[in-house]
Amino acid sequence: MSAVAAPLPVRLARLVRLEHTVFALPFAYVGALLAIDGWPGLEAMAWITVAMVGARTLAMGLNRLVDAEIDARNPRTSGRELPAGALSRAQVAALCGLALAVYLVAVFQLDPLVHWLWPVPVLLFVAYPYLKRVTWLCHLWLGASLGLAPVGAWAAVTGELPWQAWALGGAVCLWVAGFDLFYALFDREHDLAEGLHSWATRFGIHGVFAGARAMHAGSVALLAVAGAGLPVGAWYWLGVAVVAVLLVYEHVIVRPDDLRRLDAAFFTVNGILSIAFGVLVALDTLL
């Protein structure tokens, strides 16, 4: 079935790539579980899930709206729903409005602290698509946006924001920014032609690999720092080890002179990483 002929809900789900929620959602659960070293309750976890889905849908919808013209000129992205005509700008804007409403409803079921903090991620989402037009630091902004997942979930169940929550958020930020550096390699030639900014256009292919290695090493270090400040056990430390091994594997299968497995590194390995770490933290806090 062509993109245009698919039912509207299918086209909208494809637009926001719902399956990629797996990157951030497990880390939101990690933040909630570690915050109280136990189960926060089904209601809290359910509302955290709804808030995360709403926030991510809003972020992706805004990104697609802002980048529609750029996407249309890029052979890799010209088949996306907006450039291909499978969705109208009005439909995507309506989706963004609905996602914002869902996010707000969920946020206001959680701790009063997040009632005041809800605009922070929204402002990050709004600004992010424009950053590639002005700075190669856009990857770190994206990382910060997803890094709020464990921080926000921690605040949502405790009403507090200790340094351990920020260490977890920093770990997610560097993890996401590091693999986004890899992702920018897909569009390096197009971005150079368009005058867009990325780590890849600024520092080249070898610079991407150096930056990603440093960021991923920093991510593992921050997970260890957070663990050192929490009453965690062997399952947590096994999770840190698994993250480290998977990140090393990611850097082994993708090399500056061989980018053929870049898709596998970006989607498969990182999806496994987030789920595995989330499961091991759950075992540590719930058993």
Protein backbone atom coordinates (compact mmCIF):
# COMPACT_ATOMS: atom_id res chain seq x y z
CA MET A 1 0.00 0.00 0.00
CA SER A 2 1.39 3.40 -0.96
CA ALA A 3 1.99 6.06 1.66
CA VAL A 4 -0.84 8.21 0.26
CA ALA A 5 -3.34 5.33 0.14
CA ALA A 6 -2.72 4.14 3.71
CA PRO A 7 -5.33 4.99 6.36
CA LEU A 8 -4.78 8.33 8.13
CA PRO A 9 -3.78 6.78 11.50
CA VAL A 10 -1.16 4.68 9.72
CA ARG A 11 0.24 7.73 7.93
CA LEU A 12 0.41 9.67 11.19
CA ALA A 13 2.15 6.79 12.99
CA ARG A 14 4.68 6.57 10.17
CA LEU A 15 5.26 10.31 10.37
CA VAL A 16 6.30 10.24 14.02
CA ARG A 17 7.96 6.79 13.88
CA LEU A 18 6.19 5.52 17.00
CA GLU A 19 8.47 2.51 17.15
CA HIS A 20 11.38 4.82 18.00
CA THR A 21 9.73 5.66 21.32
CA VAL A 22 11.79 2.69 22.52
CA PHE A 23 14.86 4.93 22.64
CA ALA A 24 13.63 7.21 25.45
CA LEU A 25 10.70 5.47 27.16
CA PRO A 26 12.78 2.82 29.02
CA PHE A 27 14.96 5.59 30.45
CA ALA A 28 11.87 7.38 31.76
CA TYR A 29 10.96 4.16 33.56
CA VAL A 30 14.55 3.94 34.83
CA GLY A 31 14.24 7.42 36.34
CA ALA A 32 10.96 6.58 38.07
CA LEU A 33 12.21 3.24 39.43
CA LEU A 34 15.53 4.55 40.71
CA ALA A 35 13.90 7.63 42.24
CA ILE A 36 12.22 5.52 44.91
CA ASP A 37 14.23 2.30 44.56
CA GLY A 38 11.01 0.44 43.90
CA TRP A 39 7.67 0.43 42.11
CA PRO A 40 6.07 3.91 41.87
CA GLY A 41 2.62 2.44 41.28
CA LEU A 42 0.68 1.53 38.15
CA GLU A 43 -1.07 4.89 37.94
CA ALA A 44 2.16 6.90 38.03
CA MET A 45 3.85 4.65 35.48
CA ALA A 46 0.84 4.80 33.19
CA TRP A 47 0.74 8.60 33.25
CA ILE A 48 4.51 8.78 32.69
CA THR A 49 4.00 6.57 29.62
CA VAL A 50 1.21 8.78 28.29
CA ALA A 51 3.26 11.92 28.90
CA MET A 52 6.26 10.43 27.10
CA VAL A 53 4.21 9.34 24.07
CA GLY A 54 2.53 12.74 23.88
CA ALA A 55 5.81 14.63 24.23
CA ARG A 56 7.63 12.53 21.66
CA THR A 57 4.76 12.77 19.17
CA LEU A 58 4.76 16.54 19.60
CA ALA A 59 8.54 16.70 19.09
CA MET A 60 8.48 14.59 15.94
CA GLY A 61 5.48 16.39 14.50
CA LEU A 62 7.11 19.79 15.01
CA ASN A 63 10.35 18.53 13.50
CA ARG A 64 8.57 17.27 10.40
CA LEU A 65 6.62 20.53 10.01
CA VAL A 66 9.66 22.79 10.33
CA ASP A 67 11.83 20.61 8.09
CA ALA A 68 9.25 19.84 5.39
CA GLU A 69 10.92 21.95 2.70
CA ILE A 70 14.41 20.72 3.56
CA ASP A 71 13.15 17.12 3.56
CA ALA A 72 11.64 17.63 0.12
CA ARG A 73 15.07 18.55 -1.31
CA ASN A 74 16.86 15.62 0.32
CA PRO A 75 16.67 12.33 -1.64
CA ARG A 76 16.79 10.34 1.62
CA THR A 77 13.81 12.14 3.15
CA SER A 78 11.77 13.24 0.14
CA GLY A 79 9.51 10.22 0.60
CA ARG A 80 8.42 11.30 4.07
CA GLU A 81 4.72 11.94 4.52
CA LEU A 82 4.74 15.75 4.22
CA PRO A 83 7.04 16.12 1.18
CA ALA A 84 5.35 13.18 -0.52
CA GLY A 85 1.89 14.68 -0.03
CA ALA A 86 0.62 11.80 2.13
CA LEU A 87 -0.24 14.31 4.86
CA SER A 88 -1.03 18.02 4.81
CA ARG A 89 0.54 20.61 7.05
CA ALA A 90 -2.85 21.16 8.67
CA GLN A 91 -3.11 17.47 9.55
CA VAL A 92 0.35 17.42 11.10
CA ALA A 93 -0.36 20.65 12.99
CA ALA A 94 -3.55 19.09 14.34
CA LEU A 95 -1.56 16.04 15.46
CA CYS A 96 0.87 18.35 17.27
CA GLY A 97 -2.02 20.08 19.03
CA LEU A 98 -3.52 16.76 20.10
CA ALA A 99 -0.12 15.48 21.29
CA LEU A 100 0.41 18.64 23.36
CA ALA A 101 -3.03 18.20 24.94
CA VAL A 102 -2.30 14.55 25.77
CA TYR A 103 1.07 15.51 27.26
CA LEU A 104 -0.49 18.23 29.43
CA VAL A 105 -3.29 15.99 30.69
CA ALA A 106 -0.73 13.38 31.73
CA VAL A 107 1.64 15.88 33.34
CA PHE A 108 -1.12 17.28 35.53
CA GLN A 109 -1.81 13.82 36.96
CA LEU A 110 1.72 13.66 38.37
CA ASP A 111 3.66 15.50 41.09
CA PRO A 112 2.96 19.27 41.35
CA LEU A 113 6.61 20.06 40.55
CA VAL A 114 6.16 18.95 36.94
CA HIS A 115 3.03 21.12 36.66
CA TRP A 116 5.46 24.05 36.62
CA LEU A 117 8.19 22.42 34.53
CA TRP A 118 6.11 21.19 31.59
CA PRO A 119 7.10 24.09 29.24
CA VAL A 120 10.80 23.16 29.41
CA PRO A 121 10.73 20.14 27.07
CA VAL A 122 8.23 21.87 24.79
CA LEU A 123 10.60 24.81 24.32
CA LEU A 124 13.43 22.37 23.55
CA PHE A 125 11.23 20.62 20.96
CA VAL A 126 10.27 23.90 19.28
CA ALA A 127 13.85 25.13 19.05
CA TYR A 128 15.54 21.91 17.95
CA PRO A 129 14.56 21.80 14.24
CA TYR A 130 15.96 25.30 13.71
CA LEU A 131 19.36 24.62 15.23
CA LYS A 132 20.81 22.77 12.23
CA ARG A 133 20.45 26.07 10.40
CA VAL A 134 22.82 27.83 12.79
CA THR A 135 25.03 25.42 14.77
CA TRP A 136 26.72 22.04 14.68
CA LEU A 137 25.85 21.66 18.38
CA CYS A 138 22.29 20.66 17.41
CA HIS A 139 23.06 17.02 18.34
CA LEU A 140 23.60 17.94 21.97
CA TRP A 141 20.30 19.84 22.01
CA LEU A 142 18.55 16.70 20.77
CA GLY A 143 20.36 14.71 23.44
CA ALA A 144 19.21 17.16 26.10
CA SER A 145 15.63 16.82 24.89
CA LEU A 146 15.67 13.05 25.37
CA GLY A 147 17.83 13.32 28.46
CA LEU A 148 14.88 14.97 30.21
CA ALA A 149 13.08 11.61 30.18
CA PRO A 150 14.64 10.17 33.36
CA VAL A 151 14.86 13.61 34.97
CA GLY A 152 11.18 14.35 34.37
CA ALA A 153 10.07 10.90 35.49
CA TRP A 154 12.13 11.24 38.68
CA ALA A 155 10.46 14.58 39.44
CA ALA A 156 7.06 13.17 38.52
CA VAL A 157 7.14 10.55 41.28
CA THR A 158 9.15 12.34 44.02
CA GLY A 159 8.80 16.07 43.45
CA GLU A 160 12.59 16.32 43.72
CA LEU A 161 15.51 16.78 41.33
CA PRO A 162 18.69 15.48 43.02
CA TRP A 163 22.03 15.30 41.28
CA GLN A 164 21.60 11.58 40.60
CA ALA A 165 18.61 12.37 38.36
CA TRP A 166 20.71 14.89 36.42
CA ALA A 167 23.53 12.36 36.08
CA LEU A 168 21.08 9.91 34.50
CA GLY A 169 19.80 12.67 32.25
CA GLY A 170 23.34 13.57 31.25
CA ALA A 171 24.07 9.94 30.41
CA VAL A 172 21.04 9.79 28.12
CA CYS A 173 21.96 13.15 26.59
CA LEU A 174 25.45 11.97 25.63
CA TRP A 175 24.19 8.57 24.45
CA VAL A 176 21.61 10.17 22.13
CA ALA A 177 23.95 12.92 20.92
CA GLY A 178 26.63 10.33 20.17
CA PHE A 179 24.45 8.16 17.97
CA ASP A 180 22.91 11.25 16.36
CA LEU A 181 26.41 12.16 15.23
CA PHE A 182 26.45 8.86 13.34
CA TYR A 183 22.99 9.55 11.94
CA ALA A 184 24.19 12.88 10.53
CA LEU A 185 26.53 10.96 8.24
CA PHE A 186 23.52 9.90 6.15
CA ASP A 187 22.97 13.54 5.14
CA ARG A 188 26.48 14.98 5.17
CA GLU A 189 26.70 15.73 1.44
CA HIS A 190 23.17 17.14 1.31
CA ASP A 191 23.74 19.30 4.38
CA LEU A 192 26.96 20.70 2.92
CA ALA A 193 25.12 21.62 -0.29
CA GLU A 194 22.25 23.20 1.66
CA GLY A 195 24.48 25.12 4.06
CA LEU A 196 23.11 23.21 7.04
CA HIS A 197 25.16 22.57 10.14
CA SER A 198 26.05 19.28 11.81
CA TRP A 199 29.01 17.69 13.51
CA ALA A 200 29.61 15.80 10.26
CA THR A 201 29.77 18.95 8.13
CA ARG A 202 31.97 20.73 10.67
CA PHE A 203 34.45 17.98 11.56
CA GLY A 204 34.10 15.38 8.81
CA ILE A 205 33.67 11.62 9.08
CA HIS A 206 36.65 11.05 11.38
CA GLY A 207 35.48 13.89 13.60
CA VAL A 208 32.10 12.19 13.93
CA PHE A 209 33.72 9.00 15.15
CA ALA A 210 35.96 10.82 17.61
CA GLY A 211 33.05 12.84 18.98
CA ALA A 212 30.76 9.82 19.26
CA ARG A 213 33.42 7.81 21.09
CA ALA A 214 33.94 10.62 23.61
CA MET A 215 30.22 11.11 24.16
CA HIS A 216 29.52 7.41 24.60
CA ALA A 217 32.41 7.05 27.03
CA GLY A 218 30.94 9.98 28.95
CA SER A 219 27.52 8.34 28.93
CA VAL A 220 28.83 5.16 30.56
CA ALA A 221 30.80 7.22 33.08
CA LEU A 222 27.69 9.18 34.10
CA LEU A 223 25.68 5.98 34.54
CA ALA A 224 28.43 4.79 36.88
CA VAL A 225 28.43 8.12 38.74
CA ALA A 226 24.66 7.94 39.19
CA GLY A 227 24.91 4.36 40.42
CA ALA A 228 27.60 5.32 42.93
CA GLY A 229 25.16 7.78 44.48
CA LEU A 230 22.23 5.38 44.66
CA PRO A 231 21.49 2.20 46.66
CA VAL A 232 21.80 0.00 43.58
CA GLY A 233 22.92 -3.60 43.37
CA ALA A 234 24.45 -6.05 40.95
CA TRP A 235 21.66 -5.85 38.36
CA TYR A 236 22.24 -2.12 37.90
CA TRP A 237 25.97 -2.59 37.44
CA LEU A 238 25.33 -5.40 34.99
CA GLY A 239 23.14 -2.92 33.10
CA VAL A 240 25.99 -0.40 32.96
CA ALA A 241 28.29 -3.15 31.67
CA VAL A 242 25.74 -4.14 29.00
CA VAL A 243 25.45 -0.52 27.88
CA ALA A 244 29.22 -0.26 27.62
CA VAL A 245 29.53 -3.51 25.65
CA LEU A 246 26.75 -2.54 23.22
CA LEU A 247 28.28 0.89 22.63
CA VAL A 248 31.67 -0.68 21.95
CA TYR A 249 29.97 -3.10 19.53
CA GLU A 250 28.28 -0.15 17.82
CA HIS A 251 31.67 1.45 17.23
CA VAL A 252 33.16 -1.83 16.03
CA ILE A 253 30.56 -2.52 13.33
CA VAL A 254 30.68 1.03 11.94
CA ARG A 255 34.03 2.41 10.83
CA PRO A 256 35.03 5.59 8.97
CA ASP A 257 35.86 3.53 5.89
CA ASP A 258 32.78 1.26 6.15
CA LEU A 259 29.36 2.78 6.86
CA ARG A 260 27.31 -0.11 5.48
CA ARG A 261 26.06 -1.14 8.93
CA LEU A 262 25.17 2.34 10.07
CA ASP A 263 21.45 1.57 10.08
CA ALA A 264 22.00 -1.48 12.28
CA ALA A 265 24.10 0.53 14.72
CA PHE A 266 21.59 3.37 14.90
CA PHE A 267 18.31 1.50 15.15
CA THR A 268 18.91 -2.08 16.30
CA VAL A 269 21.78 -1.72 18.75
CA ASN A 270 20.42 1.40 20.43
CA GLY A 271 16.94 -0.10 20.74
CA ILE A 272 18.40 -3.19 22.40
CA LEU A 273 20.54 -1.01 24.66
CA SER A 274 17.66 1.02 26.08
CA ILE A 275 15.40 -2.00 26.63
CA ALA A 276 18.18 -4.10 28.20
CA PHE A 277 19.19 -1.35 30.60
CA GLY A 278 15.57 -0.70 31.53
CA VAL A 279 14.94 -4.39 32.25
CA LEU A 280 18.08 -4.74 34.37
CA VAL A 281 17.24 -1.61 36.40
CA ALA A 282 13.74 -3.02 36.94
CA LEU A 283 15.26 -6.26 38.24
CA ASP A 284 17.55 -4.26 40.54
CA THR A 285 14.79 -2.11 42.02
CA LEU A 286 11.89 -4.57 42.14
CA LEU A 287 13.50 -7.84 43.27
